[in-house]
Amino acid sequence: MDTPDSSECPRLLIAEDHSAIAWDMATTAEDAGWEVVGPVSRAADALRLIKAERVDAAVLDYHLTDGTADPIADVLVRRGVPFVIVTTYDLSEYVISAPSVAIVIQKPYAPEQLLEVLRLLQRERWTTVN
């Protein structure tokens, strides 16, 4: 994987199966200086984008239209890409692929929570790149 130049706009993959939430996430991310990849509602589409596009970080709804975000998380972990998982479900009943790497936030969340997480992801991106 090519290392992104620090002058490039950071690219954020959004995988969320509710379109209104996805577009709110995208707007929040773009307002915070991210270039959005997606949004997509299926894990298969997210995996295709990860192979085809540069992705610096990701926001993943845990339950997507074609299953869970686990396959996406597995690929992101292997590539060293930071991500956040968002869900409305009780997280204690799920095994997240890489809990030490992922940030998990519960829906509904305030826009400020997502902004703070995006700042954390961006710092992680710069730490990894530089």
Protein backbone atom coordinates (compact mmCIF):
# COMPACT_ATOMS: atom_id res chain seq x y z
CA MET A 1 0.00 0.00 0.00
CA ASP A 2 1.31 3.44 -0.87
CA THR A 3 1.92 5.78 2.02
CA PRO A 4 -0.25 8.88 1.65
CA ASP A 5 1.52 12.20 1.35
CA SER A 6 0.83 14.35 4.40
CA SER A 7 -0.43 17.18 2.15
CA GLU A 8 -3.26 15.00 0.78
CA CYS A 9 -6.76 15.22 2.18
CA PRO A 10 -7.37 12.22 4.47
CA ARG A 11 -9.78 9.68 3.00
CA LEU A 12 -12.51 8.14 5.16
CA LEU A 13 -14.47 5.04 4.21
CA ILE A 14 -18.06 5.08 5.51
CA ALA A 15 -20.01 1.80 5.65
CA GLU A 16 -23.50 2.40 7.05
CA ASP A 17 -26.75 0.72 6.00
CA HIS A 18 -29.09 3.59 6.91
CA SER A 19 -28.77 6.21 4.19
CA ALA A 20 -29.77 9.21 6.33
CA ILE A 21 -27.16 8.30 8.96
CA ALA A 22 -24.56 7.65 6.25
CA TRP A 23 -25.10 11.07 4.69
CA ASP A 24 -24.97 12.76 8.10
CA MET A 25 -21.66 10.98 8.76
CA ALA A 26 -20.36 12.02 5.35
CA THR A 27 -21.33 15.66 5.89
CA THR A 28 -19.71 15.69 9.34
CA ALA A 29 -16.54 14.11 7.95
CA GLU A 30 -16.34 16.49 4.99
CA ASP A 31 -16.87 19.47 7.29
CA ALA A 32 -13.95 18.17 9.38
CA GLY A 33 -11.66 18.04 6.32
CA TRP A 34 -12.02 14.41 5.24
CA GLU A 35 -12.64 13.17 1.71
CA VAL A 36 -15.35 10.51 1.94
CA VAL A 37 -15.02 7.15 0.21
CA GLY A 38 -18.55 5.80 -0.18
CA PRO A 39 -20.76 5.75 1.73
CA VAL A 40 -21.73 2.12 1.13
CA SER A 41 -24.32 -0.09 2.83
CA ARG A 42 -22.78 -3.51 2.15
CA ALA A 43 -19.58 -5.10 3.45
CA ALA A 44 -18.85 -6.45 -0.03
CA ASP A 45 -18.92 -2.93 -1.48
CA ALA A 46 -16.67 -1.63 1.30
CA LEU A 47 -14.15 -4.41 0.63
CA ARG A 48 -14.15 -3.56 -3.09
CA LEU A 49 -13.51 0.11 -2.28
CA ILE A 50 -10.66 -0.76 0.10
CA LYS A 51 -8.99 -2.71 -2.73
CA ALA A 52 -9.55 0.04 -5.31
CA GLU A 53 -9.14 3.27 -3.32
CA ARG A 54 -6.77 4.77 -0.78
CA VAL A 55 -8.48 4.57 2.62
CA ASP A 56 -6.82 6.29 5.58
CA ALA A 57 -9.52 5.52 8.17
CA ALA A 58 -13.05 4.12 8.34
CA VAL A 59 -16.38 4.44 10.13
CA LEU A 60 -18.21 1.10 10.10
CA ASP A 61 -21.74 0.32 11.18
CA TYR A 62 -21.39 -3.12 12.75
CA HIS A 63 -24.51 -4.54 11.06
CA LEU A 64 -24.65 -3.90 7.32
CA THR A 65 -27.17 -5.11 4.75
CA ASP A 66 -25.09 -8.18 3.86
CA GLY A 67 -23.73 -9.10 7.29
CA THR A 68 -21.38 -7.70 9.89
CA ALA A 69 -18.41 -5.38 9.51
CA ASP A 70 -16.00 -8.08 10.73
CA PRO A 71 -14.54 -8.83 7.25
CA ILE A 72 -13.93 -5.10 6.71
CA ALA A 73 -12.33 -4.75 10.14
CA ASP A 74 -10.06 -7.73 9.44
CA VAL A 75 -8.73 -6.12 6.25
CA LEU A 76 -8.30 -2.73 7.91
CA VAL A 77 -6.38 -4.29 10.81
CA ARG A 78 -4.05 -6.12 8.40
CA ARG A 79 -3.41 -2.84 6.57
CA GLY A 80 -2.95 -0.81 9.76
CA VAL A 81 -5.91 1.46 8.97
CA PRO A 82 -7.63 2.93 12.06
CA PHE A 83 -11.40 2.64 12.27
CA VAL A 84 -14.46 3.17 14.44
CA ILE A 85 -17.42 0.85 14.76
CA VAL A 86 -20.86 2.37 15.40
CA THR A 87 -23.87 0.33 16.44
CA THR A 88 -27.26 0.46 18.10
CA TYR A 89 -26.77 -3.01 19.55
CA ASP A 90 -25.45 -4.05 22.95
CA LEU A 91 -21.76 -4.41 22.21
CA SER A 92 -21.17 -6.96 24.96
CA GLU A 93 -22.76 -9.70 22.85
CA TYR A 94 -20.43 -9.23 19.89
CA VAL A 95 -16.85 -10.19 19.33
CA ILE A 96 -15.21 -7.37 17.41
CA SER A 97 -12.31 -8.53 15.28
CA ALA A 98 -9.74 -6.17 16.78
CA PRO A 99 -10.98 -4.45 19.94
CA SER A 100 -7.55 -3.04 20.67
CA VAL A 101 -7.51 -1.23 17.31
CA ALA A 102 -11.13 -0.15 16.94
CA ILE A 103 -13.01 2.61 18.68
CA VAL A 104 -16.63 1.68 19.35
CA ILE A 105 -19.42 4.23 19.82
CA GLN A 106 -23.05 3.57 20.56
CA LYS A 107 -25.85 4.99 18.39
CA PRO A 108 -27.41 7.42 18.77
CA TYR A 109 -24.43 9.66 19.28
CA ALA A 110 -23.99 13.41 19.22
CA PRO A 111 -22.24 14.92 16.18
CA GLU A 112 -19.52 16.11 18.57
CA GLN A 113 -18.75 12.48 19.44
CA LEU A 114 -18.19 11.62 15.79
CA LEU A 115 -16.04 14.74 15.34
CA GLU A 116 -13.87 13.74 18.31
CA VAL A 117 -13.48 10.24 16.93
CA LEU A 118 -12.56 11.64 13.50
CA ARG A 119 -9.88 13.77 15.19
CA LEU A 120 -8.55 10.65 16.91
CA LEU A 121 -8.52 8.74 13.63
CA GLN A 122 -6.71 11.59 11.90
CA ARG A 123 -4.08 11.70 14.65
CA GLU A 124 -3.68 7.93 14.32
CA ARG A 125 -3.26 8.36 10.55
CA TRP A 126 -0.52 10.95 11.03
CA THR A 127 1.20 8.81 13.66
CA THR A 128 1.18 5.83 11.29
CA VAL A 129 2.24 7.82 8.20
CA ASN A 130 4.88 10.13 9.69
